[in-house]
Amino acid sequence: MKTTPFVIERTFGVPVGKVWEAITDNQKMKQWYFDLAEFKPETGFEFRFYGGSEDEKFLHICRVTEVVALKKLSYSWRYDGLPGESLVSFELFDEGDKTRLRLTHSGLESFAGNGPSFEKESFEAGWTEIIGESLKKFLG
């Protein structure tokens, strides 16, 4: 079974503080990420949201596992009623007036057998859209 995590890196032409706010401020997250009822960048904080396609929505259950202000945010990622648990990490690298973001989603193989929506390619397409398009557009 392939256990290579999915990794995507993008550089944004804004300071690290602006990217940190985009990934930790719930009001900003709603504009480019998912519609979370509540989010706090605090270790142990659990948040839930629905995501998926128009035809198939899944309840995501996540718990913040690591917070290093302006540098790293990680949380567990699983689905209500389905086997498997993974880890999403956002790492920020301050490059002066620019910020490099590395998103790593590991443990995707734990979702094998849950159907086509849980194939690694599906996650790759989703994160490429979210980080490469939605966040890029939000940050301007």
C-alpha atoms as a PDB file:
ATOM      1  CA  MET A   1       0.000   0.000   0.000  1.00  0.00           C
ATOM      2  CA  LYS A   2       1.369   3.384  -0.996  1.00  0.00           C
ATOM      3  CA  THR A   3       1.890   5.614   2.021  1.00  0.00           C
ATOM      4  CA  THR A   4       3.401   8.700   0.401  1.00  0.00           C
ATOM      5  CA  PRO A   5       1.690  11.834   1.703  1.00  0.00           C
ATOM      6  CA  PHE A   6       0.278  14.429  -0.668  1.00  0.00           C
ATOM      7  CA  VAL A   7       2.325  17.640  -0.589  1.00  0.00           C
ATOM      8  CA  ILE A   8       1.612  20.925  -2.345  1.00  0.00           C
ATOM      9  CA  GLU A   9       3.705  24.092  -2.093  1.00  0.00           C
ATOM     10  CA  ARG A  10       2.786  27.560  -3.267  1.00  0.00           C
ATOM     11  CA  THR A  11       4.382  30.966  -2.739  1.00  0.00           C
ATOM     12  CA  PHE A  12       2.125  33.950  -2.157  1.00  0.00           C
ATOM     13  CA  GLY A  13       3.160  37.584  -2.572  1.00  0.00           C
ATOM     14  CA  VAL A  14       2.031  38.585   0.926  1.00  0.00           C
ATOM     15  CA  PRO A  15       3.730  38.560   4.347  1.00  0.00           C
ATOM     16  CA  VAL A  16       3.491  35.455   6.541  1.00  0.00           C
ATOM     17  CA  GLY A  17       1.059  37.153   8.969  1.00  0.00           C
ATOM     18  CA  LYS A  18      -1.534  37.540   6.235  1.00  0.00           C
ATOM     19  CA  VAL A  19      -1.309  33.858   5.267  1.00  0.00           C
ATOM     20  CA  TRP A  20      -1.443  32.824   8.942  1.00  0.00           C
ATOM     21  CA  GLU A  21      -4.661  34.819   9.381  1.00  0.00           C
ATOM     22  CA  ALA A  22      -6.120  33.190   6.263  1.00  0.00           C
ATOM     23  CA  ILE A  23      -5.554  29.676   7.692  1.00  0.00           C
ATOM     24  CA  THR A  24      -6.531  30.433  11.323  1.00  0.00           C
ATOM     25  CA  ASP A  25      -9.231  33.158  11.320  1.00  0.00           C
ATOM     26  CA  ASN A  26     -12.621  31.512  10.868  1.00  0.00           C
ATOM     27  CA  GLN A  27     -14.197  34.513   9.103  1.00  0.00           C
ATOM     28  CA  LYS A  28     -11.353  34.546   6.580  1.00  0.00           C
ATOM     29  CA  MET A  29     -11.384  30.732   6.225  1.00  0.00           C
ATOM     30  CA  LYS A  30     -15.071  30.853   5.236  1.00  0.00           C
ATOM     31  CA  GLN A  31     -14.088  32.959   2.215  1.00  0.00           C
ATOM     32  CA  TRP A  32     -11.671  30.446   0.659  1.00  0.00           C
ATOM     33  CA  TYR A  33     -11.766  27.161   2.610  1.00  0.00           C
ATOM     34  CA  PHE A  34     -14.818  25.486   4.128  1.00  0.00           C
ATOM     35  CA  ASP A  35     -17.799  26.933   5.992  1.00  0.00           C
ATOM     36  CA  LEU A  36     -16.778  26.062   9.539  1.00  0.00           C
ATOM     37  CA  ALA A  37     -19.240  26.841  12.318  1.00  0.00           C
ATOM     38  CA  GLU A  38     -16.287  27.566  14.593  1.00  0.00           C
ATOM     39  CA  PHE A  39     -12.506  27.336  14.458  1.00  0.00           C
ATOM     40  CA  LYS A  40      -9.790  28.152  16.973  1.00  0.00           C
ATOM     41  CA  PRO A  41      -6.063  27.605  16.389  1.00  0.00           C
ATOM     42  CA  GLU A  42      -5.729  25.858  19.750  1.00  0.00           C
ATOM     43  CA  THR A  43      -4.360  22.355  20.355  1.00  0.00           C
ATOM     44  CA  GLY A  44      -7.275  20.000  21.081  1.00  0.00           C
ATOM     45  CA  PHE A  45      -9.936  22.181  19.434  1.00  0.00           C
ATOM     46  CA  GLU A  46     -12.343  20.003  17.415  1.00  0.00           C
ATOM     47  CA  PHE A  47     -14.178  21.328  14.400  1.00  0.00           C
ATOM     48  CA  ARG A  48     -16.579  19.794  11.899  1.00  0.00           C
ATOM     49  CA  PHE A  49     -17.762  20.662   8.441  1.00  0.00           C
ATOM     50  CA  TYR A  50     -19.449  19.117   5.439  1.00  0.00           C
ATOM     51  CA  GLY A  51     -17.542  18.749   2.206  1.00  0.00           C
ATOM     52  CA  GLY A  52     -17.618  16.700  -0.939  1.00  0.00           C
ATOM     53  CA  SER A  53     -19.394  16.880  -4.248  1.00  0.00           C
ATOM     54  CA  GLU A  54     -22.888  18.134  -4.984  1.00  0.00           C
ATOM     55  CA  ASP A  55     -24.071  14.505  -5.013  1.00  0.00           C
ATOM     56  CA  GLU A  56     -22.167  13.265  -1.987  1.00  0.00           C
ATOM     57  CA  LYS A  57     -21.464  15.226   1.220  1.00  0.00           C
ATOM     58  CA  PHE A  58     -19.355  13.885   4.078  1.00  0.00           C
ATOM     59  CA  LEU A  59     -19.083  15.131   7.643  1.00  0.00           C
ATOM     60  CA  HIS A  60     -15.415  15.890   8.310  1.00  0.00           C
ATOM     61  CA  ILE A  61     -14.269  15.694  11.933  1.00  0.00           C
ATOM     62  CA  CYS A  62     -10.958  17.383  12.698  1.00  0.00           C
ATOM     63  CA  ARG A  63      -8.943  18.111  15.840  1.00  0.00           C
ATOM     64  CA  VAL A  64      -6.094  20.621  16.049  1.00  0.00           C
ATOM     65  CA  THR A  65      -2.914  18.738  16.999  1.00  0.00           C
ATOM     66  CA  GLU A  66      -0.187  21.385  16.699  1.00  0.00           C
ATOM     67  CA  VAL A  67       0.005  25.172  16.586  1.00  0.00           C
ATOM     68  CA  VAL A  68       3.226  27.132  16.169  1.00  0.00           C
ATOM     69  CA  ALA A  69       2.173  30.742  15.550  1.00  0.00           C
ATOM     70  CA  LEU A  70       3.079  32.027  12.093  1.00  0.00           C
ATOM     71  CA  LYS A  71       4.836  28.718  11.269  1.00  0.00           C
ATOM     72  CA  LYS A  72       2.678  25.589  11.525  1.00  0.00           C
ATOM     73  CA  LEU A  73      -0.913  24.427  11.966  1.00  0.00           C
ATOM     74  CA  SER A  74      -1.793  20.719  11.984  1.00  0.00           C
ATOM     75  CA  TYR A  75      -5.002  18.813  12.536  1.00  0.00           C
ATOM     76  CA  SER A  76      -6.366  15.314  12.314  1.00  0.00           C
ATOM     77  CA  TRP A  77      -8.881  14.687   9.530  1.00  0.00           C
ATOM     78  CA  ARG A  78     -11.442  11.893   9.499  1.00  0.00           C
ATOM     79  CA  TYR A  79     -14.999  11.244   8.367  1.00  0.00           C
ATOM     80  CA  ASP A  80     -18.057  10.492  10.463  1.00  0.00           C
ATOM     81  CA  GLY A  81     -18.961   6.808  10.237  1.00  0.00           C
ATOM     82  CA  LEU A  82     -16.057   5.823   7.964  1.00  0.00           C
ATOM     83  CA  PRO A  83     -12.750   4.115   8.780  1.00  0.00           C
ATOM     84  CA  GLY A  84      -9.490   6.002   8.512  1.00  0.00           C
ATOM     85  CA  GLU A  85      -7.768   9.039   9.965  1.00  0.00           C
ATOM     86  CA  SER A  86      -5.222  11.359   8.407  1.00  0.00           C
ATOM     87  CA  LEU A  87      -3.226  14.472   9.263  1.00  0.00           C
ATOM     88  CA  VAL A  88      -3.227  17.854   7.515  1.00  0.00           C
ATOM     89  CA  SER A  89      -0.323  20.242   8.147  1.00  0.00           C
ATOM     90  CA  PHE A  90       0.122  23.787   6.915  1.00  0.00           C
ATOM     91  CA  GLU A  91       3.714  25.007   7.214  1.00  0.00           C
ATOM     92  CA  LEU A  92       4.599  28.633   6.522  1.00  0.00           C
ATOM     93  CA  PHE A  93       8.031  29.896   5.497  1.00  0.00           C
ATOM     94  CA  ASP A  94       8.665  33.636   5.811  1.00  0.00           C
ATOM     95  CA  GLU A  95      10.420  34.872   2.691  1.00  0.00           C
ATOM     96  CA  GLY A  96      10.290  38.602   3.462  1.00  0.00           C
ATOM     97  CA  ASP A  97       7.387  40.110   1.535  1.00  0.00           C
ATOM     98  CA  LYS A  98       6.391  36.643   0.345  1.00  0.00           C
ATOM     99  CA  THR A  99       5.283  33.463   2.092  1.00  0.00           C
ATOM    100  CA  ARG A 100       5.847  29.890   0.989  1.00  0.00           C
ATOM    101  CA  LEU A 101       3.128  27.531   2.172  1.00  0.00           C
ATOM    102  CA  ARG A 102       3.593  23.766   2.258  1.00  0.00           C
ATOM    103  CA  LEU A 103       0.492  21.664   2.830  1.00  0.00           C
ATOM    104  CA  THR A 104       1.043  17.997   3.667  1.00  0.00           C
ATOM    105  CA  HIS A 105      -1.862  15.542   3.926  1.00  0.00           C
ATOM    106  CA  SER A 106      -0.579  12.220   5.277  1.00  0.00           C
ATOM    107  CA  GLY A 107      -2.412   9.014   6.111  1.00  0.00           C
ATOM    108  CA  LEU A 108      -4.587   9.069   2.987  1.00  0.00           C
ATOM    109  CA  GLU A 109      -4.096   5.322   2.573  1.00  0.00           C
ATOM    110  CA  SER A 110      -6.210   4.841   5.740  1.00  0.00           C
ATOM    111  CA  PHE A 111      -9.276   5.820   3.654  1.00  0.00           C
ATOM    112  CA  ALA A 112      -8.704   3.073   1.051  1.00  0.00           C
ATOM    113  CA  GLY A 113     -11.870   1.108   0.454  1.00  0.00           C
ATOM    114  CA  ASN A 114     -14.221   3.993   1.294  1.00  0.00           C
ATOM    115  CA  GLY A 115     -14.971   4.635  -2.393  1.00  0.00           C
ATOM    116  CA  PRO A 116     -13.725   6.807  -5.265  1.00  0.00           C
ATOM    117  CA  SER A 117     -14.143  10.073  -3.322  1.00  0.00           C
ATOM    118  CA  PHE A 118     -11.359   8.858  -1.003  1.00  0.00           C
ATOM    119  CA  GLU A 119      -8.720   7.980  -3.594  1.00  0.00           C
ATOM    120  CA  LYS A 120      -5.459   9.920  -3.313  1.00  0.00           C
ATOM    121  CA  GLU A 121      -6.158  11.552  -6.697  1.00  0.00           C
ATOM    122  CA  SER A 122      -9.367  13.018  -5.310  1.00  0.00           C
ATOM    123  CA  PHE A 123      -7.469  14.640  -2.432  1.00  0.00           C
ATOM    124  CA  GLU A 124      -4.788  15.890  -4.840  1.00  0.00           C
ATOM    125  CA  ALA A 125      -7.417  17.548  -7.019  1.00  0.00           C
ATOM    126  CA  GLY A 126      -9.187  19.053  -4.004  1.00  0.00           C
ATOM    127  CA  TRP A 127      -6.077  20.508  -2.362  1.00  0.00           C
ATOM    128  CA  THR A 128      -4.732  21.782  -5.679  1.00  0.00           C
ATOM    129  CA  GLU A 129      -7.987  23.699  -6.147  1.00  0.00           C
ATOM    130  CA  ILE A 130      -8.140  24.911  -2.522  1.00  0.00           C
ATOM    131  CA  ILE A 131      -4.496  26.003  -2.166  1.00  0.00           C
ATOM    132  CA  GLY A 132      -3.611  26.718  -5.786  1.00  0.00           C
ATOM    133  CA  GLU A 133      -6.783  28.581  -6.723  1.00  0.00           C
ATOM    134  CA  SER A 134      -9.068  29.538  -3.810  1.00  0.00           C
ATOM    135  CA  LEU A 135      -6.371  30.641  -1.344  1.00  0.00           C
ATOM    136  CA  LYS A 136      -4.352  32.315  -4.106  1.00  0.00           C
ATOM    137  CA  LYS A 137      -7.415  34.320  -5.195  1.00  0.00           C
ATOM    138  CA  PHE A 138      -8.285  35.193  -1.560  1.00  0.00           C
ATOM    139  CA  LEU A 139      -4.777  36.488  -0.836  1.00  0.00           C
ATOM    140  CA  GLY A 140      -4.776  38.473  -4.082  1.00  0.00           C
END
